[in-house]
Amino acid sequence: MMQYLPSLAGVAIISFLLTRMLIPLSHFMGLLDRPDNRKVHTGSIPLIGGISIYLSVLFCAVLFLNLPEHFIGIALICGLVTFMGALDDRYPVHPNYRLLMQLIAGVTIATVGDVCLRDLGNLTGFGAISLGLLAIPFTAITITGLCNAYNMVDGIDGLTGSLTLVSLLALLFLANGRAAENEVALLAYMATSIGVFLVFNLTIRPFAKNKIFMGDAGSTFLGCSVAIATIYFSQSESNVLRPATALWLVAIPLMDMTSTMVRRIRKGKSPFHADRTHLHHILMRGGLSQRQALVTIIVAAASIAGVGIFLERVWPQNDAISFGLFLLTFTMYFKFIFQHAFKFARSIRRLSA
């Protein structure tokens, strides 16, 4: 991994320059987020963060890394997912078409890219669960689910990028010394490019004066990338992580999406109906500012990922324990945060006071 450290500076520079180039182009292409009754920002914000991350990582991976041939296929499919997200940013695309495209991408990645979820591990304690013929559809559903989980959680500045960074850094920690160095370097490239995006998204001066958003192109690409990485490393012979551990690394987006969709369905609405019932909305209803809500969620995500890493390293073969504890965490999240959202918000308000 040490040999790739100098190239990380190249990734940062290329990401920075590419972002600066895409900002004026966003006005020409119409990739702008304009304020409405659901958005609190002022002015039209370029939706080019995801495109910049994708292009910079792809360019630097080809330039600096010696990756296997199937990486090209995976990169092209991720490009299609990013392109579909960019179309949705420019021209609203019906959710069914987005889902269909993501499912097709998932099937293609499982077959052509050879990133397939074939073994779930010993989740029940009665032996390893092999998916057999269900491996390809299960992989496609997993990739589609995480594409939408990271897309749906993208509601305040820095949230999706930071949550992805938590997942990637956890994978970096687990993969370093176990996986091939070029694969670990690719994770580091992704993390570096996301870091550059966050500088612009959070307008950290003096480095960035122009604010940008990730857009659906970025959130779906990052969700797809995290899904591919967790599936690949959980199924590889390098023994980087168990499938149960992967759940801990994507816990907040996964729990937020599932809980929000269940709530919408209970109200007789579409699971993709836009509302203000996500975790960051509840925290802000409780009196936290955007930045406070961001920090709170990221600390929670990092803590949960830390539990997963601890279980992976201490009990690497006890999938049932890890899975059972994750289900307990999910149940507590759903019960105390979403079933009693208003009480939870009032409790936060009292603590803030």
Protein backbone atom coordinates (compact mmCIF):
# COMPACT_ATOMS: atom_id res chain seq x y z
CA MET A 1 0.00 0.00 0.00
CA MET A 2 2.89 2.37 0.72
CA GLN A 3 3.83 2.51 -2.97
CA TYR A 4 0.42 4.02 -3.76
CA LEU A 5 0.57 6.81 -1.19
CA PRO A 6 2.10 9.40 -3.60
CA SER A 7 -0.68 8.73 -6.11
CA LEU A 8 -3.29 9.75 -3.51
CA ALA A 9 -2.05 13.33 -3.90
CA GLY A 10 -2.68 12.96 -7.64
CA VAL A 11 -6.21 11.74 -6.94
CA ALA A 12 -6.87 14.77 -4.73
CA ILE A 13 -5.49 17.21 -7.30
CA ILE A 14 -7.39 15.66 -10.22
CA SER A 15 -10.61 15.56 -8.19
CA PHE A 16 -10.19 19.22 -7.22
CA LEU A 17 -9.43 20.38 -10.77
CA LEU A 18 -12.21 18.28 -12.29
CA THR A 19 -14.74 19.70 -9.83
CA ARG A 20 -13.66 23.27 -10.66
CA MET A 21 -14.05 22.50 -14.38
CA LEU A 22 -17.50 20.95 -13.97
CA ILE A 23 -18.97 23.84 -11.93
CA PRO A 24 -19.35 26.23 -14.92
CA LEU A 25 -20.40 23.33 -17.17
CA SER A 26 -23.25 22.50 -14.78
CA HIS A 27 -25.00 25.75 -15.75
CA PHE A 28 -24.68 24.90 -19.44
CA MET A 29 -25.98 21.34 -18.93
CA GLY A 30 -28.76 22.38 -16.55
CA LEU A 31 -27.43 20.19 -13.73
CA LEU A 32 -28.55 22.59 -11.01
CA ASP A 33 -30.51 22.16 -7.80
CA ARG A 34 -32.95 25.04 -7.57
CA PRO A 35 -34.75 25.96 -4.31
CA ASP A 36 -38.35 24.86 -3.78
CA ASN A 37 -40.72 24.24 -0.88
CA ARG A 38 -38.68 21.21 0.27
CA LYS A 39 -35.20 22.75 -0.04
CA VAL A 40 -33.75 25.38 2.25
CA HIS A 41 -30.66 26.42 0.28
CA THR A 42 -30.47 29.69 -1.62
CA GLY A 43 -29.50 29.97 -5.27
CA SER A 44 -28.91 27.26 -7.86
CA ILE A 45 -26.32 24.71 -6.72
CA PRO A 46 -24.35 22.57 -9.25
CA LEU A 47 -25.20 18.86 -9.07
CA ILE A 48 -21.81 17.63 -10.24
CA GLY A 49 -20.25 16.08 -7.12
CA GLY A 50 -21.05 12.50 -8.07
CA ILE A 51 -19.89 12.91 -11.67
CA SER A 52 -16.59 14.37 -10.43
CA ILE A 53 -16.03 11.50 -7.98
CA TYR A 54 -16.77 8.87 -10.62
CA LEU A 55 -14.58 10.41 -13.33
CA SER A 56 -11.64 11.19 -11.05
CA VAL A 57 -11.58 7.70 -9.49
CA LEU A 58 -11.92 6.04 -12.89
CA PHE A 59 -9.16 8.15 -14.45
CA CYS A 60 -6.75 7.67 -11.53
CA ALA A 61 -7.46 3.94 -11.26
CA VAL A 62 -6.58 3.47 -14.95
CA LEU A 63 -3.56 5.77 -14.63
CA PHE A 64 -2.03 4.49 -11.39
CA LEU A 65 -3.37 0.99 -10.67
CA ASN A 66 -2.93 -2.37 -12.33
CA LEU A 67 -6.44 -3.71 -11.87
CA PRO A 68 -7.91 -6.95 -13.32
CA GLU A 69 -9.81 -6.86 -16.60
CA HIS A 70 -13.25 -7.26 -15.04
CA PHE A 71 -12.73 -3.86 -13.36
CA ILE A 72 -13.39 -2.22 -16.75
CA GLY A 73 -16.78 -3.91 -16.97
CA ILE A 74 -17.69 -2.92 -13.42
CA ALA A 75 -16.54 0.66 -14.04
CA LEU A 76 -18.71 0.91 -17.18
CA ILE A 77 -21.75 -0.41 -15.34
CA CYS A 78 -21.15 2.05 -12.49
CA GLY A 79 -20.92 4.72 -15.18
CA LEU A 80 -24.40 3.75 -16.43
CA VAL A 81 -25.76 3.99 -12.88
CA THR A 82 -24.14 7.42 -12.54
CA PHE A 83 -25.53 8.50 -15.93
CA MET A 84 -29.05 7.43 -14.94
CA GLY A 85 -28.69 9.44 -11.74
CA ALA A 86 -27.52 12.46 -13.74
CA LEU A 87 -30.56 12.11 -16.01
CA ASP A 88 -32.75 12.12 -12.90
CA ASP A 89 -30.95 15.26 -11.73
CA ARG A 90 -31.65 16.97 -15.06
CA TYR A 91 -35.01 15.47 -16.04
CA PRO A 92 -37.06 13.72 -13.32
CA VAL A 93 -37.03 9.99 -14.07
CA HIS A 94 -39.83 7.74 -12.80
CA PRO A 95 -38.67 5.58 -9.84
CA ASN A 96 -39.66 2.39 -11.67
CA TYR A 97 -37.23 3.15 -14.51
CA ARG A 98 -34.45 3.89 -12.02
CA LEU A 99 -35.12 0.64 -10.17
CA LEU A 100 -35.13 -1.33 -13.42
CA MET A 101 -31.81 0.18 -14.48
CA GLN A 102 -30.26 -0.55 -11.08
CA LEU A 103 -31.51 -4.15 -11.12
CA ILE A 104 -30.08 -4.66 -14.61
CA ALA A 105 -26.78 -3.18 -13.41
CA GLY A 106 -26.80 -5.53 -10.42
CA VAL A 107 -27.43 -8.59 -12.59
CA THR A 108 -24.68 -7.54 -15.00
CA ILE A 109 -22.18 -6.94 -12.19
CA ALA A 110 -22.96 -10.38 -10.74
CA THR A 111 -22.48 -12.13 -14.10
CA VAL A 112 -19.96 -10.11 -16.11
CA GLY A 113 -18.13 -8.44 -13.22
CA ASP A 114 -18.02 -11.65 -11.16
CA VAL A 115 -19.01 -9.79 -7.97
CA CYS A 116 -21.69 -12.12 -6.68
CA LEU A 117 -23.16 -12.76 -3.24
CA ARG A 118 -23.10 -16.57 -3.21
CA ASP A 119 -22.59 -17.25 0.52
CA LEU A 120 -24.31 -15.43 3.41
CA GLY A 121 -22.28 -17.19 6.06
CA ASN A 122 -23.65 -18.99 9.12
CA LEU A 123 -26.26 -16.35 10.01
CA THR A 124 -28.61 -18.72 11.85
CA GLY A 125 -26.06 -20.90 13.63
CA PHE A 126 -27.17 -23.99 11.71
CA GLY A 127 -24.58 -23.87 8.95
CA ALA A 128 -23.53 -21.68 6.06
CA ILE A 129 -26.32 -20.34 3.84
CA SER A 130 -25.48 -20.90 0.18
CA LEU A 131 -27.73 -18.99 -2.23
CA GLY A 132 -27.19 -21.23 -5.24
CA LEU A 133 -29.51 -20.15 -8.08
CA LEU A 134 -30.67 -17.18 -6.02
CA ALA A 135 -27.17 -15.68 -5.91
CA ILE A 136 -27.54 -13.42 -8.96
CA PRO A 137 -31.01 -12.01 -8.13
CA PHE A 138 -30.01 -11.57 -4.48
CA THR A 139 -26.89 -9.67 -5.56
CA ALA A 140 -28.96 -7.45 -7.85
CA ILE A 141 -31.44 -6.69 -5.05
CA THR A 142 -28.58 -5.93 -2.64
CA ILE A 143 -26.92 -3.49 -5.06
CA THR A 144 -30.26 -1.85 -5.89
CA GLY A 145 -31.13 -1.58 -2.20
CA LEU A 146 -27.89 0.19 -1.29
CA CYS A 147 -28.13 2.48 -4.33
CA ASN A 148 -31.47 3.68 -2.97
CA ALA A 149 -30.39 3.65 0.68
CA TYR A 150 -27.55 6.11 0.04
CA ASN A 151 -29.76 8.11 -2.31
CA MET A 152 -32.61 8.44 0.19
CA VAL A 153 -30.38 9.45 3.09
CA ASP A 154 -28.90 12.32 1.05
CA GLY A 155 -30.85 15.15 2.69
CA ILE A 156 -28.35 17.50 4.33
CA ASP A 157 -24.91 18.79 3.39
CA GLY A 158 -22.16 16.21 3.71
CA LEU A 159 -24.32 13.32 4.91
CA THR A 160 -24.12 10.76 2.09
CA GLY A 161 -20.47 11.56 1.41
CA SER A 162 -19.55 11.23 5.08
CA LEU A 163 -21.53 7.99 5.54
CA THR A 164 -19.79 6.54 2.49
CA LEU A 165 -16.46 7.66 3.92
CA VAL A 166 -17.24 5.78 7.16
CA SER A 167 -17.98 2.60 5.18
CA LEU A 168 -14.86 2.94 3.02
CA LEU A 169 -12.52 3.68 5.93
CA ALA A 170 -13.90 0.65 7.80
CA LEU A 171 -13.28 -1.49 4.71
CA LEU A 172 -9.80 0.01 4.38
CA PHE A 173 -9.01 -0.96 7.96
CA LEU A 174 -10.25 -4.52 7.44
CA ALA A 175 -8.72 -4.98 3.97
CA ASN A 176 -5.27 -3.54 4.66
CA GLY A 177 -2.80 -6.41 4.90
CA ARG A 178 -5.36 -9.00 3.76
CA ALA A 179 -6.53 -7.92 0.31
CA ALA A 180 -4.39 -7.14 -2.73
CA GLU A 181 -2.65 -3.77 -2.46
CA ASN A 182 -4.20 -2.38 -5.65
CA GLU A 183 -7.69 -3.19 -4.31
CA VAL A 184 -6.92 -1.43 -1.04
CA ALA A 185 -5.55 1.52 -3.01
CA LEU A 186 -8.80 1.75 -5.00
CA LEU A 187 -10.73 2.12 -1.73
CA ALA A 188 -8.29 4.86 -0.71
CA TYR A 189 -8.81 6.62 -4.07
CA MET A 190 -12.56 6.61 -3.51
CA ALA A 191 -12.18 7.97 0.01
CA THR A 192 -9.80 10.71 -1.18
CA SER A 193 -12.12 11.85 -3.96
CA ILE A 194 -15.08 11.93 -1.56
CA GLY A 195 -12.98 14.01 0.82
CA VAL A 196 -12.41 16.57 -1.95
CA PHE A 197 -16.16 16.62 -2.65
CA LEU A 198 -16.88 17.31 1.03
CA VAL A 199 -14.55 20.31 0.93
CA PHE A 200 -16.78 21.83 -1.77
CA ASN A 201 -20.06 20.55 -0.39
CA LEU A 202 -19.37 21.97 3.08
CA THR A 203 -17.61 25.03 1.55
CA ILE A 204 -14.48 24.64 3.64
CA ARG A 205 -12.48 27.78 3.03
CA PRO A 206 -10.00 28.77 1.68
CA PHE A 207 -10.07 25.63 -0.49
CA ALA A 208 -13.63 25.97 -1.79
CA LYS A 209 -15.77 29.04 -2.33
CA ASN A 210 -18.35 27.38 -4.61
CA LYS A 211 -20.86 24.99 -3.08
CA ILE A 212 -21.79 21.82 -4.95
CA PHE A 213 -24.21 18.97 -4.34
CA MET A 214 -23.69 15.29 -5.02
CA GLY A 215 -26.95 14.80 -6.87
CA ASP A 216 -28.67 11.49 -7.53
CA ALA A 217 -25.77 10.65 -9.82
CA GLY A 218 -23.42 10.72 -6.84
CA SER A 219 -25.59 9.11 -4.16
CA THR A 220 -26.56 6.16 -6.36
CA PHE A 221 -22.97 5.73 -7.58
CA LEU A 222 -21.64 5.72 -4.01
CA GLY A 223 -24.32 3.28 -2.89
CA CYS A 224 -23.49 1.03 -5.83
CA SER A 225 -19.75 1.26 -5.08
CA VAL A 226 -20.17 0.41 -1.38
CA ALA A 227 -22.41 -2.53 -2.33
CA ILE A 228 -19.85 -3.85 -4.84
CA ALA A 229 -16.97 -3.44 -2.36
CA THR A 230 -18.73 -5.15 0.55
CA ILE A 231 -19.96 -8.02 -1.64
CA TYR A 232 -16.53 -8.47 -3.23
CA PHE A 233 -14.58 -8.48 0.02
CA SER A 234 -17.12 -10.66 1.85
CA GLN A 235 -16.92 -13.32 -0.88
CA SER A 236 -13.19 -13.21 -1.64
CA GLU A 237 -10.66 -15.77 -0.48
CA SER A 238 -8.67 -13.03 1.28
CA ASN A 239 -11.08 -13.30 4.23
CA VAL A 240 -11.45 -9.54 4.62
CA LEU A 241 -14.88 -9.60 6.26
CA ARG A 242 -17.87 -11.83 6.84
CA PRO A 243 -21.24 -11.05 5.19
CA ALA A 244 -22.76 -10.26 8.60
CA THR A 245 -20.05 -7.65 9.23
CA ALA A 246 -20.98 -5.84 6.01
CA LEU A 247 -24.38 -4.98 7.56
CA TRP A 248 -22.67 -3.01 10.34
CA LEU A 249 -20.71 -0.94 7.81
CA VAL A 250 -23.87 0.27 6.01
CA ALA A 251 -26.16 0.29 9.04
CA ILE A 252 -27.41 3.89 9.11
CA PRO A 253 -28.38 4.16 5.39
CA LEU A 254 -29.93 0.68 5.48
CA MET A 255 -31.93 1.26 8.68
CA ASP A 256 -32.99 4.76 7.62
CA MET A 257 -34.25 3.56 4.24
CA THR A 258 -36.10 0.52 5.61
CA SER A 259 -37.75 2.43 8.45
CA THR A 260 -38.78 5.34 6.23
CA MET A 261 -40.23 3.08 3.55
CA VAL A 262 -42.19 1.07 6.14
CA ARG A 263 -43.62 4.27 7.58
CA ARG A 264 -44.69 5.52 4.13
CA ILE A 265 -46.32 2.19 3.22
CA ARG A 266 -48.22 2.20 6.53
CA LYS A 267 -49.59 5.62 5.61
CA GLY A 268 -50.76 4.28 2.25
CA LYS A 269 -48.13 6.16 0.27
CA SER A 270 -45.49 5.05 -2.19
CA PRO A 271 -42.24 3.94 -0.51
CA PHE A 272 -40.51 6.47 -2.79
CA HIS A 273 -42.80 9.37 -1.83
CA ALA A 274 -40.66 12.30 -0.69
CA ASP A 275 -41.28 13.46 2.88
CA ARG A 276 -39.43 14.72 5.94
CA THR A 277 -39.25 11.57 8.07
CA HIS A 278 -35.59 10.63 7.70
CA LEU A 279 -33.26 10.48 10.68
CA HIS A 280 -31.71 13.89 9.96
CA HIS A 281 -35.20 15.44 9.79
CA ILE A 282 -36.06 13.99 13.20
CA LEU A 283 -32.82 15.27 14.71
CA MET A 284 -33.38 18.75 13.27
CA ARG A 285 -36.98 18.70 14.50
CA GLY A 286 -35.45 18.09 17.90
CA GLY A 287 -33.56 21.38 17.67
CA LEU A 288 -30.22 20.37 16.16
CA SER A 289 -28.71 22.41 13.35
CA GLN A 290 -27.72 20.78 10.06
CA ARG A 291 -24.08 20.50 11.13
CA GLN A 292 -25.03 19.13 14.56
CA ALA A 293 -27.30 16.54 12.96
CA LEU A 294 -24.51 15.62 10.53
CA VAL A 295 -21.96 15.13 13.30
CA THR A 296 -24.44 13.14 15.41
CA ILE A 297 -25.28 10.75 12.57
CA ILE A 298 -21.65 10.26 11.52
CA VAL A 299 -20.56 9.56 15.10
CA ALA A 300 -23.38 7.00 15.36
CA ALA A 301 -22.43 5.41 12.01
CA ALA A 302 -18.74 5.22 12.98
CA SER A 303 -19.62 3.70 16.38
CA ILE A 304 -21.86 1.07 14.79
CA ALA A 305 -19.19 0.26 12.18
CA GLY A 306 -16.69 -0.01 15.05
CA VAL A 307 -18.88 -2.64 16.71
CA GLY A 308 -18.95 -4.59 13.46
CA ILE A 309 -15.16 -4.40 13.12
CA PHE A 310 -14.74 -5.52 16.74
CA LEU A 311 -17.03 -8.52 16.21
CA GLU A 312 -15.23 -9.37 12.95
CA ARG A 313 -11.82 -9.43 14.59
CA VAL A 314 -12.82 -11.02 17.92
CA TRP A 315 -15.40 -13.57 16.69
CA PRO A 316 -14.72 -13.87 12.95
CA GLN A 317 -16.52 -17.20 12.61
CA ASN A 318 -19.56 -16.38 14.75
CA ASP A 319 -21.82 -14.90 12.09
CA ALA A 320 -24.93 -15.74 14.10
CA ILE A 321 -23.79 -13.59 17.05
CA SER A 322 -22.95 -10.65 14.80
CA PHE A 323 -26.20 -10.97 12.83
CA GLY A 324 -28.29 -11.34 15.99
CA LEU A 325 -26.75 -8.23 17.55
CA PHE A 326 -27.32 -6.31 14.33
CA LEU A 327 -31.00 -7.29 14.29
CA LEU A 328 -31.25 -6.15 17.92
CA THR A 329 -29.67 -2.81 16.98
CA PHE A 330 -32.06 -2.47 14.04
CA THR A 331 -35.06 -3.25 16.26
CA MET A 332 -34.01 -0.64 18.82
CA TYR A 333 -33.47 1.93 16.07
CA PHE A 334 -36.89 1.28 14.56
CA LYS A 335 -38.72 1.21 17.89
CA PHE A 336 -37.19 4.19 19.66
CA ILE A 337 -36.42 6.50 16.73
CA PHE A 338 -39.09 5.79 14.13
CA GLN A 339 -42.07 4.39 15.96
CA HIS A 340 -41.71 7.16 18.54
CA ALA A 341 -40.16 9.84 16.33
CA PHE A 342 -41.94 12.78 17.94
CA LYS A 343 -41.10 11.61 21.47
CA PHE A 344 -37.50 11.11 20.35
CA ALA A 345 -37.41 14.63 18.92
CA ARG A 346 -38.86 16.07 22.13
CA SER A 347 -36.22 14.23 24.16
CA ILE A 348 -33.48 15.75 22.01
CA ARG A 349 -35.07 19.20 22.42
CA ARG A 350 -35.06 18.80 26.21
CA LEU A 351 -31.43 17.66 26.20
CA SER A 352 -30.48 20.61 23.99
CA ALA A 353 -32.21 23.00 26.35
